Every structure is written in C-alpha cells, then in structure tokens.
C-alpha atoms as a PDB file:
ATOM      1  CA  UNK A   1     -17.172  25.897  14.563  1.00  0.00           C
ATOM      2  CA  UNK A   2     -13.552  24.801  14.700  1.00  0.00           C
ATOM      3  CA  UNK A   3     -11.062  26.615  12.530  1.00  0.00           C
ATOM      4  CA  UNK A   4      -8.973  24.580  10.063  1.00  0.00           C
ATOM      5  CA  UNK A   5      -5.999  26.417  11.555  1.00  0.00           C
ATOM      6  CA  UNK A   6      -6.620  25.086  15.052  1.00  0.00           C
ATOM      7  CA  UNK A   7      -3.107  23.665  15.337  1.00  0.00           C
ATOM      8  CA  UNK A   8      -3.573  22.643  18.971  1.00  0.00           C
ATOM      9  CA  UNK A   9      -6.488  20.386  18.025  1.00  0.00           C
ATOM     10  CA  UNK A  10      -4.559  18.955  15.068  1.00  0.00           C
ATOM     11  CA  UNK A  11      -1.568  18.224  17.272  1.00  0.00           C
ATOM     12  CA  UNK A  12      -3.703  16.476  19.879  1.00  0.00           C
ATOM     13  CA  UNK A  13      -5.286  14.263  17.226  1.00  0.00           C
ATOM     14  CA  UNK A  14      -1.858  13.355  15.815  1.00  0.00           C
ATOM     15  CA  UNK A  15      -0.502  12.535  19.259  1.00  0.00           C
ATOM     16  CA  UNK A  16      -3.623  10.505  20.012  1.00  0.00           C
ATOM     17  CA  UNK A  17      -3.259   8.166  17.045  1.00  0.00           C
ATOM     18  CA  UNK A  18       0.437   7.484  17.687  1.00  0.00           C
ATOM     19  CA  UNK A  19      -0.227   6.843  21.381  1.00  0.00           C
ATOM     20  CA  UNK A  20      -3.117   4.519  20.545  1.00  0.00           C
ATOM     21  CA  UNK A  21      -1.150   2.440  18.057  1.00  0.00           C
ATOM     22  CA  UNK A  22       1.809   2.235  20.438  1.00  0.00           C
ATOM     23  CA  UNK A  23      -0.341   1.204  23.402  1.00  0.00           C
ATOM     24  CA  UNK A  24      -2.064  -1.585  21.473  1.00  0.00           C
ATOM     25  CA  UNK A  25       0.914  -2.734  19.405  1.00  0.00           C
ATOM     26  CA  UNK A  26       0.963  -6.228  20.941  1.00  0.00           C
ATOM     27  CA  UNK A  27      -2.755  -6.770  20.324  1.00  0.00           C
ATOM     28  CA  UNK A  28      -2.390  -5.445  16.780  1.00  0.00           C
ATOM     29  CA  UNK A  29       0.468  -7.835  16.035  1.00  0.00           C
ATOM     30  CA  UNK A  30      -1.378 -10.842  17.468  1.00  0.00           C
ATOM     31  CA  UNK A  31      -4.466 -10.048  15.389  1.00  0.00           C
ATOM     32  CA  UNK A  32      -2.280  -9.605  12.325  1.00  0.00           C
ATOM     33  CA  UNK A  33      -0.716 -13.040  12.801  1.00  0.00           C
ATOM     34  CA  UNK A  34      -4.152 -14.566  13.291  1.00  0.00           C
ATOM     35  CA  UNK A  35      -5.414 -12.921  10.099  1.00  0.00           C
ATOM     36  CA  UNK A  36      -2.526 -14.360   8.100  1.00  0.00           C
ATOM     37  CA  UNK A  37      -2.890 -17.865   9.548  1.00  0.00           C
ATOM     38  CA  UNK A  38      -6.709 -17.987   9.541  1.00  0.00           C
ATOM     39  CA  UNK A  39      -6.923 -17.013   5.892  1.00  0.00           C
ATOM     40  CA  UNK A  40      -5.706 -20.440   4.813  1.00  0.00           C
ATOM     41  CA  UNK A  41      -6.628 -22.494   7.861  1.00  0.00           C
ATOM     42  CA  UNK A  42      -7.341 -26.127   7.017  1.00  0.00           C
ATOM     43  CA  UNK A  43      -5.621 -25.977   3.637  1.00  0.00           C
ATOM     44  CA  UNK A  44      -2.755 -28.331   2.802  1.00  0.00           C
ATOM     45  CA  UNK A  45      -0.245 -25.605   1.969  1.00  0.00           C
ATOM     46  CA  UNK A  46      -1.559 -23.161   4.566  1.00  0.00           C
ATOM     47  CA  UNK A  47       0.194 -19.801   4.786  1.00  0.00           C
ATOM     48  CA  UNK A  48       2.366 -20.673   1.771  1.00  0.00           C
ATOM     49  CA  UNK A  49      -0.533 -19.396  -0.333  1.00  0.00           C
ATOM     50  CA  UNK A  50       0.148 -15.956   1.141  1.00  0.00           C
ATOM     51  CA  UNK A  51       3.296 -15.974  -0.972  1.00  0.00           C
ATOM     52  CA  UNK A  52       2.026 -18.262  -3.723  1.00  0.00           C
ATOM     53  CA  UNK A  53      -0.877 -16.150  -4.959  1.00  0.00           C
ATOM     54  CA  UNK A  54       1.110 -12.936  -5.573  1.00  0.00           C
ATOM     55  CA  UNK A  55       4.051 -14.946  -6.953  1.00  0.00           C
ATOM     56  CA  UNK A  56       1.857 -16.576  -9.600  1.00  0.00           C
ATOM     57  CA  UNK A  57       0.286 -13.234 -10.510  1.00  0.00           C
ATOM     58  CA  UNK A  58       3.674 -11.535 -10.882  1.00  0.00           C
ATOM     59  CA  UNK A  59       4.899 -14.439 -12.989  1.00  0.00           C
ATOM     60  CA  UNK A  60       1.926 -13.995 -15.322  1.00  0.00           C
ATOM     61  CA  UNK A  61       2.594 -10.264 -15.668  1.00  0.00           C
ATOM     62  CA  UNK A  62       6.268 -10.858 -16.417  1.00  0.00           C
ATOM     63  CA  UNK A  63       5.423 -13.508 -19.015  1.00  0.00           C
ATOM     64  CA  UNK A  64       2.817 -11.355 -20.778  1.00  0.00           C
ATOM     65  CA  UNK A  65       4.794  -8.128 -20.930  1.00  0.00           C
ATOM     66  CA  UNK A  66       8.372  -9.424 -21.144  1.00  0.00           C
ATOM     67  CA  UNK A  67       7.815 -12.522 -23.297  1.00  0.00           C
ATOM     68  CA  UNK A  68       4.589 -12.004 -25.256  1.00  0.00           C
ATOM     69  CA  UNK A  69       4.770  -8.226 -25.769  1.00  0.00           C
ATOM     70  CA  UNK A  70       8.585  -8.314 -25.711  1.00  0.00           C
ATOM     71  CA  UNK A  71       9.026  -5.174 -23.620  1.00  0.00           C
ATOM     72  CA  UNK A  72      12.725  -4.332 -23.665  1.00  0.00           C
ATOM     73  CA  UNK A  73      14.245  -1.631 -21.493  1.00  0.00           C
ATOM     74  CA  UNK A  74      17.549  -1.401 -19.658  1.00  0.00           C
ATOM     75  CA  UNK A  75      21.224  -1.580 -20.447  1.00  0.00           C
ATOM     76  CA  UNK A  76      21.766   2.187 -20.547  1.00  0.00           C
ATOM     77  CA  UNK A  77      22.653   4.910 -18.085  1.00  0.00           C
ATOM     78  CA  UNK A  78      19.090   6.240 -18.154  1.00  0.00           C
ATOM     79  CA  UNK A  79      17.569   2.761 -17.694  1.00  0.00           C
ATOM     80  CA  UNK A  80      20.217   0.762 -15.818  1.00  0.00           C
ATOM     81  CA  UNK A  81      18.455  -2.547 -15.034  1.00  0.00           C
ATOM     82  CA  UNK A  82      16.239  -4.966 -16.958  1.00  0.00           C
ATOM     83  CA  UNK A  83      12.496  -4.852 -17.532  1.00  0.00           C
ATOM     84  CA  UNK A  84      11.697  -7.477 -14.889  1.00  0.00           C
ATOM     85  CA  UNK A  85      13.267  -5.296 -12.193  1.00  0.00           C
ATOM     86  CA  UNK A  86      11.432  -2.234 -13.480  1.00  0.00           C
ATOM     87  CA  UNK A  87       8.078  -4.024 -13.424  1.00  0.00           C
ATOM     88  CA  UNK A  88       8.491  -5.615  -9.992  1.00  0.00           C
ATOM     89  CA  UNK A  89       9.804  -2.461  -8.306  1.00  0.00           C
ATOM     90  CA  UNK A  90       6.448  -0.789  -8.931  1.00  0.00           C
ATOM     91  CA  UNK A  91       4.135  -3.804  -8.946  1.00  0.00           C
ATOM     92  CA  UNK A  92       5.092  -5.207  -5.526  1.00  0.00           C
ATOM     93  CA  UNK A  93       4.188  -2.128  -3.439  1.00  0.00           C
ATOM     94  CA  UNK A  94       1.006  -1.573  -5.462  1.00  0.00           C
ATOM     95  CA  UNK A  95      -0.156  -5.155  -4.825  1.00  0.00           C
ATOM     96  CA  UNK A  96       0.268  -4.630  -1.083  1.00  0.00           C
ATOM     97  CA  UNK A  97      -1.556  -1.306  -1.230  1.00  0.00           C
ATOM     98  CA  UNK A  98      -4.498  -2.674  -3.198  1.00  0.00           C
ATOM     99  CA  UNK A  99      -4.817  -5.645  -0.841  1.00  0.00           C
ATOM    100  CA  UNK A 100      -4.934  -3.333   2.167  1.00  0.00           C
ATOM    101  CA  UNK A 101      -7.608  -1.206   0.456  1.00  0.00           C
ATOM    102  CA  UNK A 102      -9.746  -4.260  -0.287  1.00  0.00           C
ATOM    103  CA  UNK A 103      -9.493  -5.385   3.325  1.00  0.00           C
ATOM    104  CA  UNK A 104     -10.031  -1.896   4.699  1.00  0.00           C
ATOM    105  CA  UNK A 105     -13.307  -1.341   2.866  1.00  0.00           C
ATOM    106  CA  UNK A 106     -14.977  -4.261   4.703  1.00  0.00           C
ATOM    107  CA  UNK A 107     -12.981  -4.658   7.925  1.00  0.00           C
ATOM    108  CA  UNK A 108     -15.518  -2.985  10.240  1.00  0.00           C
ATOM    109  CA  UNK A 109     -18.455  -4.908   8.780  1.00  0.00           C
ATOM    110  CA  UNK A 110     -16.521  -8.186   8.931  1.00  0.00           C
ATOM    111  CA  UNK A 111     -15.696  -7.618  12.616  1.00  0.00           C
ATOM    112  CA  UNK A 112     -19.101  -6.334  13.745  1.00  0.00           C
ATOM    113  CA  UNK A 113     -18.984  -8.466  16.897  1.00  0.00           C
ATOM    114  CA  UNK A 114     -15.768  -6.769  18.039  1.00  0.00           C
ATOM    115  CA  UNK A 115     -16.959  -3.306  17.074  1.00  0.00           C
ATOM    116  CA  UNK A 116     -20.009  -3.660  19.326  1.00  0.00           C
ATOM    117  CA  UNK A 117     -17.805  -4.397  22.321  1.00  0.00           C
ATOM    118  CA  UNK A 118     -17.362  -1.112  24.141  1.00  0.00           C
ATOM    119  CA  UNK A 119     -13.901  -1.913  25.489  1.00  0.00           C
ATOM    120  CA  UNK A 120     -12.357  -3.085  22.213  1.00  0.00           C
ATOM    121  CA  UNK A 121     -10.046  -0.560  20.447  1.00  0.00           C
ATOM    122  CA  UNK A 122     -11.588  -0.701  16.964  1.00  0.00           C
ATOM    123  CA  UNK A 123      -8.900   1.652  15.629  1.00  0.00           C
ATOM    124  CA  UNK A 124      -6.557  -1.310  15.283  1.00  0.00           C
ATOM    125  CA  UNK A 125      -8.868  -3.241  12.920  1.00  0.00           C
ATOM    126  CA  UNK A 126      -7.833  -1.346   9.755  1.00  0.00           C
ATOM    127  CA  UNK A 127      -4.200  -1.367  10.906  1.00  0.00           C
ATOM    128  CA  UNK A 128      -3.952  -5.141  11.228  1.00  0.00           C
ATOM    129  CA  UNK A 129      -4.975  -5.553   7.585  1.00  0.00           C
ATOM    130  CA  UNK A 130      -2.329  -3.073   6.530  1.00  0.00           C
ATOM    131  CA  UNK A 131       0.410  -4.901   8.419  1.00  0.00           C
ATOM    132  CA  UNK A 132      -0.681  -8.286   7.062  1.00  0.00           C
ATOM    133  CA  UNK A 133      -0.490  -6.933   3.506  1.00  0.00           C
ATOM    134  CA  UNK A 134       2.849  -5.268   4.173  1.00  0.00           C
ATOM    135  CA  UNK A 135       4.438  -8.470   5.509  1.00  0.00           C
ATOM    136  CA  UNK A 136       3.915 -10.104   2.108  1.00  0.00           C
ATOM    137  CA  UNK A 137       5.408  -7.072   0.379  1.00  0.00           C
ATOM    138  CA  UNK A 138       8.555  -7.223   2.504  1.00  0.00           C
ATOM    139  CA  UNK A 139       9.057 -10.885   1.545  1.00  0.00           C
ATOM    140  CA  UNK A 140       8.771 -10.113  -2.155  1.00  0.00           C
ATOM    141  CA  UNK A 141      11.018  -7.082  -1.982  1.00  0.00           C
ATOM    142  CA  UNK A 142      13.616  -9.261  -0.255  1.00  0.00           C
ATOM    143  CA  UNK A 143      13.384 -11.668  -3.202  1.00  0.00           C
ATOM    144  CA  UNK A 144      13.772  -8.716  -5.598  1.00  0.00           C
ATOM    145  CA  UNK A 145      16.877  -7.528  -3.739  1.00  0.00           C
ATOM    146  CA  UNK A 146      18.401 -11.015  -3.982  1.00  0.00           C
ATOM    147  CA  UNK A 147      17.581 -11.090  -7.708  1.00  0.00           C
ATOM    148  CA  UNK A 148      19.246  -7.718  -8.331  1.00  0.00           C
ATOM    149  CA  UNK A 149      22.291  -8.727  -6.298  1.00  0.00           C
ATOM    150  CA  UNK A 150      22.633 -12.014  -8.178  1.00  0.00           C
ATOM    151  CA  UNK A 151      22.139 -10.424 -11.603  1.00  0.00           C
ATOM    152  CA  UNK A 152      24.210  -7.258 -11.181  1.00  0.00           C
ATOM    153  CA  UNK A 153      26.476  -8.012  -8.149  1.00  0.00           C
ATOM    154  CA  UNK A 154      25.777  -4.654  -6.541  1.00  0.00           C
ATOM    155  CA  UNK A 155      23.157  -2.775  -4.576  1.00  0.00           C
ATOM    156  CA  UNK A 156      22.709   1.008  -4.966  1.00  0.00           C
ATOM    157  CA  UNK A 157      23.157   3.317  -1.984  1.00  0.00           C
ATOM    158  CA  UNK A 158      19.521   4.294  -2.496  1.00  0.00           C
ATOM    159  CA  UNK A 159      18.632   1.079  -0.675  1.00  0.00           C
ATOM    160  CA  UNK A 160      19.451   2.962   2.530  1.00  0.00           C
ATOM    161  CA  UNK A 161      16.200   4.870   2.000  1.00  0.00           C
ATOM    162  CA  UNK A 162      14.086   1.710   2.149  1.00  0.00           C
ATOM    163  CA  UNK A 163      13.103   2.236   5.840  1.00  0.00           C
ATOM    164  CA  UNK A 164      11.953   5.789   5.027  1.00  0.00           C
ATOM    165  CA  UNK A 165       9.950   4.539   2.069  1.00  0.00           C
ATOM    166  CA  UNK A 166       8.407   1.770   4.165  1.00  0.00           C
ATOM    167  CA  UNK A 167       7.351   4.248   6.859  1.00  0.00           C
ATOM    168  CA  UNK A 168       5.746   6.610   4.349  1.00  0.00           C
ATOM    169  CA  UNK A 169       3.901   3.768   2.640  1.00  0.00           C
ATOM    170  CA  UNK A 170       2.592   2.294   5.899  1.00  0.00           C
ATOM    171  CA  UNK A 171       1.305   5.707   6.984  1.00  0.00           C
ATOM    172  CA  UNK A 172      -0.438   6.146   3.630  1.00  0.00           C
ATOM    173  CA  UNK A 173      -1.931   2.644   3.773  1.00  0.00           C
ATOM    174  CA  UNK A 174      -3.225   3.160   7.316  1.00  0.00           C
ATOM    175  CA  UNK A 175      -4.738   6.523   6.419  1.00  0.00           C
ATOM    176  CA  UNK A 176      -6.498   5.160   3.329  1.00  0.00           C
ATOM    177  CA  UNK A 177      -7.713   2.112   5.280  1.00  0.00           C
ATOM    178  CA  UNK A 178      -9.163   4.369   7.972  1.00  0.00           C
ATOM    179  CA  UNK A 179     -11.094   6.304   5.325  1.00  0.00           C
ATOM    180  CA  UNK A 180     -12.335   3.222   3.474  1.00  0.00           C
ATOM    181  CA  UNK A 181     -13.262   1.307   6.631  1.00  0.00           C
ATOM    182  CA  UNK A 182     -15.259   4.166   8.138  1.00  0.00           C
ATOM    183  CA  UNK A 183     -17.035   5.217   4.934  1.00  0.00           C
ATOM    184  CA  UNK A 184     -17.525   1.583   3.872  1.00  0.00           C
ATOM    185  CA  UNK A 185     -19.475   0.893   7.045  1.00  0.00           C
ATOM    186  CA  UNK A 186     -22.174   3.334   5.940  1.00  0.00           C
ATOM    187  CA  UNK A 187     -21.866   2.849   2.172  1.00  0.00           C
ATOM    188  CA  UNK A 188     -21.661  -0.909   1.587  1.00  0.00           C
ATOM    189  CA  UNK A 189     -21.145  -0.531  -2.195  1.00  0.00           C
ATOM    190  CA  UNK A 190     -17.748   1.042  -1.560  1.00  0.00           C
ATOM    191  CA  UNK A 191     -16.047  -2.350  -1.617  1.00  0.00           C
ATOM    192  CA  UNK A 192     -17.145  -2.874  -5.227  1.00  0.00           C
ATOM    193  CA  UNK A 193     -15.803   0.523  -6.287  1.00  0.00           C
ATOM    194  CA  UNK A 194     -12.512  -0.337  -4.585  1.00  0.00           C
ATOM    195  CA  UNK A 195     -12.364  -3.701  -6.347  1.00  0.00           C
ATOM    196  CA  UNK A 196     -12.904  -2.066  -9.746  1.00  0.00           C
ATOM    197  CA  UNK A 197     -10.273   0.566  -9.039  1.00  0.00           C
ATOM    198  CA  UNK A 198      -7.743  -2.032  -7.884  1.00  0.00           C
ATOM    199  CA  UNK A 199      -8.283  -4.001 -11.105  1.00  0.00           C
ATOM    200  CA  UNK A 200      -7.997  -0.975 -13.392  1.00  0.00           C
ATOM    201  CA  UNK A 201      -5.566   1.069 -11.302  1.00  0.00           C
ATOM    202  CA  UNK A 202      -2.503  -1.026 -12.094  1.00  0.00           C
ATOM    203  CA  UNK A 203      -2.800   0.018 -15.757  1.00  0.00           C
ATOM    204  CA  UNK A 204      -2.981   3.763 -15.076  1.00  0.00           C
ATOM    205  CA  UNK A 205       0.323   3.843 -13.219  1.00  0.00           C
ATOM    206  CA  UNK A 206       3.843   3.661 -14.711  1.00  0.00           C
ATOM    207  CA  UNK A 207       4.317   0.020 -13.711  1.00  0.00           C
ATOM    208  CA  UNK A 208       4.272  -1.865 -17.015  1.00  0.00           C
ATOM    209  CA  UNK A 209       5.516   0.965 -19.194  1.00  0.00           C
ATOM    210  CA  UNK A 210       7.623   4.109 -19.124  1.00  0.00           C
ATOM    211  CA  UNK A 211       5.761   7.434 -18.865  1.00  0.00           C
ATOM    212  CA  UNK A 212       7.305   8.470 -22.183  1.00  0.00           C
ATOM    213  CA  UNK A 213       5.462   5.597 -23.876  1.00  0.00           C
ATOM    214  CA  UNK A 214       2.105   7.167 -23.029  1.00  0.00           C
ATOM    215  CA  UNK A 215       0.647   9.557 -25.639  1.00  0.00           C
ATOM    216  CA  UNK A 216       0.997  13.167 -24.520  1.00  0.00           C
ATOM    217  CA  UNK A 217      -2.782  13.586 -24.449  1.00  0.00           C
ATOM    218  CA  UNK A 218      -3.185  10.907 -21.747  1.00  0.00           C
ATOM    219  CA  UNK A 219       0.057  11.459 -19.830  1.00  0.00           C
ATOM    220  CA  UNK A 220      -1.540  13.838 -17.278  1.00  0.00           C
ATOM    221  CA  UNK A 221      -3.524  10.836 -15.979  1.00  0.00           C
ATOM    222  CA  UNK A 222      -0.282   9.482 -14.509  1.00  0.00           C
ATOM    223  CA  UNK A 223       0.306  12.681 -12.589  1.00  0.00           C
ATOM    224  CA  UNK A 224      -3.280  12.979 -11.369  1.00  0.00           C
ATOM    225  CA  UNK A 225      -3.137   9.446  -9.948  1.00  0.00           C
ATOM    226  CA  UNK A 226      -1.632   9.768  -6.417  1.00  0.00           C
ATOM    227  CA  UNK A 227      -0.443   6.150  -6.481  1.00  0.00           C
ATOM    228  CA  UNK A 228       1.955   6.974  -9.321  1.00  0.00           C
ATOM    229  CA  UNK A 229       4.144   8.821  -6.824  1.00  0.00           C
ATOM    230  CA  UNK A 230       4.389   5.696  -4.685  1.00  0.00           C
ATOM    231  CA  UNK A 231       5.540   3.762  -7.757  1.00  0.00           C
ATOM    232  CA  UNK A 232       8.078   6.397  -8.801  1.00  0.00           C
ATOM    233  CA  UNK A 233       9.654   6.452  -5.333  1.00  0.00           C
ATOM    234  CA  UNK A 234      10.033   2.671  -5.322  1.00  0.00           C
ATOM    235  CA  UNK A 235      11.458   2.721  -8.838  1.00  0.00           C
ATOM    236  CA  UNK A 236      14.020   5.316  -7.754  1.00  0.00           C
ATOM    237  CA  UNK A 237      15.239   2.971  -5.019  1.00  0.00           C
ATOM    238  CA  UNK A 238      14.959  -0.468  -6.605  1.00  0.00           C
ATOM    239  CA  UNK A 239      15.438   0.284 -10.298  1.00  0.00           C
ATOM    240  CA  UNK A 240      17.174   3.597 -11.019  1.00  0.00           C
ATOM    241  CA  UNK A 241      19.352   3.703  -7.898  1.00  0.00           C
ATOM    242  CA  UNK A 242      19.132   7.500  -7.903  1.00  0.00           C
ATOM    243  CA  UNK A 243      16.623  10.322  -7.453  1.00  0.00           C
ATOM    244  CA  UNK A 244      15.170  10.058 -10.930  1.00  0.00           C
ATOM    245  CA  UNK A 245      11.882  11.548  -9.674  1.00  0.00           C
ATOM    246  CA  UNK A 246      12.866  13.870  -6.774  1.00  0.00           C
ATOM    247  CA  UNK A 247       9.537  15.737  -6.914  1.00  0.00           C
ATOM    248  CA  UNK A 248       7.732  12.405  -6.400  1.00  0.00           C
ATOM    249  CA  UNK A 249       9.388  12.052  -2.995  1.00  0.00           C
ATOM    250  CA  UNK A 250       8.165  15.473  -1.911  1.00  0.00           C
ATOM    251  CA  UNK A 251       4.638  14.815  -3.130  1.00  0.00           C
ATOM    252  CA  UNK A 252       4.450  11.274  -1.731  1.00  0.00           C
ATOM    253  CA  UNK A 253       5.726  12.438   1.670  1.00  0.00           C
ATOM    254  CA  UNK A 254       3.078  15.175   1.804  1.00  0.00           C
ATOM    255  CA  UNK A 255       0.355  12.769   0.654  1.00  0.00           C
ATOM    256  CA  UNK A 256       1.357  10.104   3.208  1.00  0.00           C
ATOM    257  CA  UNK A 257       1.391  12.471   6.163  1.00  0.00           C
ATOM    258  CA  UNK A 258      -1.805  14.162   5.027  1.00  0.00           C
ATOM    259  CA  UNK A 259      -3.868  11.025   4.401  1.00  0.00           C
ATOM    260  CA  UNK A 260      -2.598   9.433   7.633  1.00  0.00           C
ATOM    261  CA  UNK A 261      -3.855  12.376   9.658  1.00  0.00           C
ATOM    262  CA  UNK A 262      -7.067  13.028   7.719  1.00  0.00           C
ATOM    263  CA  UNK A 263      -7.906   9.314   7.600  1.00  0.00           C
ATOM    264  CA  UNK A 264      -7.753   9.010  11.362  1.00  0.00           C
ATOM    265  CA  UNK A 265      -9.808  12.158  11.872  1.00  0.00           C
ATOM    266  CA  UNK A 266     -12.540  10.810   9.573  1.00  0.00           C
ATOM    267  CA  UNK A 267     -12.486   7.430  11.321  1.00  0.00           C
ATOM    268  CA  UNK A 268     -12.672   9.022  14.758  1.00  0.00           C
ATOM    269  CA  UNK A 269     -15.620  11.168  13.702  1.00  0.00           C
ATOM    270  CA  UNK A 270     -17.637   8.371  12.076  1.00  0.00           C
ATOM    271  CA  UNK A 271     -16.912   5.503  14.479  1.00  0.00           C
ATOM    272  CA  UNK A 272     -19.365   6.735  17.123  1.00  0.00           C
ATOM    273  CA  UNK A 273     -22.268   5.530  14.960  1.00  0.00           C
ATOM    274  CA  UNK A 274     -20.801   2.201  13.796  1.00  0.00           C
ATOM    275  CA  UNK A 275     -22.868   0.230  16.289  1.00  0.00           C
ATOM    276  CA  UNK A 276     -26.105   1.698  14.946  1.00  0.00           C
ATOM    277  CA  UNK A 277     -25.495   0.729  11.309  1.00  0.00           C
ATOM    278  CA  UNK A 278     -24.049  -2.752  11.825  1.00  0.00           C
END
C-alpha cells in the first residue's frame, strides 16, 4: 500500500501530466478549435453565438439586479467602481467554470469512439473543453477591461496579476474536469447533479451581492463554497484594484494546485476501465 507521503510518486505523476499536455498541445488546440466551430456548424451566425449566448445572459443579469432591484454600490474608497463592474468581475469567470464542468461531466461518454482507440491520448479530452470555455472568458474580460478604461480612464496595477489568475483558474478547471469526466463515465447521473449545481451555484457566491448583505447565519456558506475564492480573487483584480481578500489568494492557489494534481490522479486510475463501461 502506497504511503500518502510518497513524494517521489507524487512528483512523477505531476511531471507526467505536464509532459503529456505539452507533448499533445497541437492536437489539443486543433480539437479545441473544432469544438468551438462544430458547436454552431450550419447556423447563420455560426461561432458568433459563442459570444452571443453569454452576452445576452449577462445583459439579463445586469438588467434584473441593476435596474429592477436597483442594486447600488460604488463611488467610495471601499467600493471604488460601479455595480456592473462588480457583477461582471465575478460572473464572467464563473460562467466559464460552469461551462467547463458541464462539458467535463459528459466528455468521455460523448467521445466513446476516440476513447476506445488505444493510441488516442484521452487525457486531452477534458482539457479541450476547458480551453474552449476559457477562450470565451478571455473575450469577455477584454470587453470588461475596455469598459473600465472608458468609464474610469485608468487600469489598476493589479491587472498585472491577470496571467497568474488565469493560470490558477485553468489548473483548477482542468483538475475538476478530470474528476467529473472520469467519475461521470461510471455514474451517468453526475451530469444532472452538475447542471443543478451550476444553476444554483451562482446564487451562493458573492457575485450579485456583497458578503456583508448576507445574514450572519448564512454567511458561512460563502466560505464553505470553494468557488467563492475564485470570485474574490477576480474581484480583487477587476473591481477593487487591491488585495481586498488576500487570504482568498492563498486558499485559491492551494485549491487550484491540489485539485489539478488530485484530478489527474483520479482520471489516471479510472481511465483503464473506460472501454468496459462505454
């Protein structure tokens, strides 16, 4: 029985996943492009729907919370920017994450023909969905940056941390997708649990409201939810322009590295029986 402190084995597994993703980077990118283009193949507006769907959804959220519910924050040192910026800084990365989880839970089943090919590197299947989801996020964050620059004529120095934040998020998304894709192959109902969580999850994170607006009795839910730390890190960069939640960075970094490693280990252990259950 292997010890949990077998650092040599852990190191080999970590090196293996990085080497695998590097070796098949061209194949991964080509499959990602095909996934984006095939999703809307034959439609008049084609890949424009990749941007259109999330744009419409974000517009609805902004209208409901900023216009109907008249949420008003900003204009102070503690809350420097407007409510739209606050909402989008947390909503955009969450939308990418939930899309990658939805794809990850069914990616092995949906590509059963490739999985049964002995020579095909099935490890890239969850990764291509992550990259496809992340491409859309980058486009929307670019729009958010332009909006902030146009409205406030400045960009905080915290924007220099965007590459670090991107790397941590991608690692977390890949790790979660590895877990969902491998478990989802055996437990087909997982996709429905993921769908329910993605629908409800956006309301149990500090995206539409400030944590101080939540009654003290229910506030611990925000801290139990690991995705809250993703949101807080993005809000620090795109809304506060400072380390408003420094502990969130520590926790999110640990979570990203941990789930990336554990996710791959679970996938590697369960993949040997994929062909028998498909």
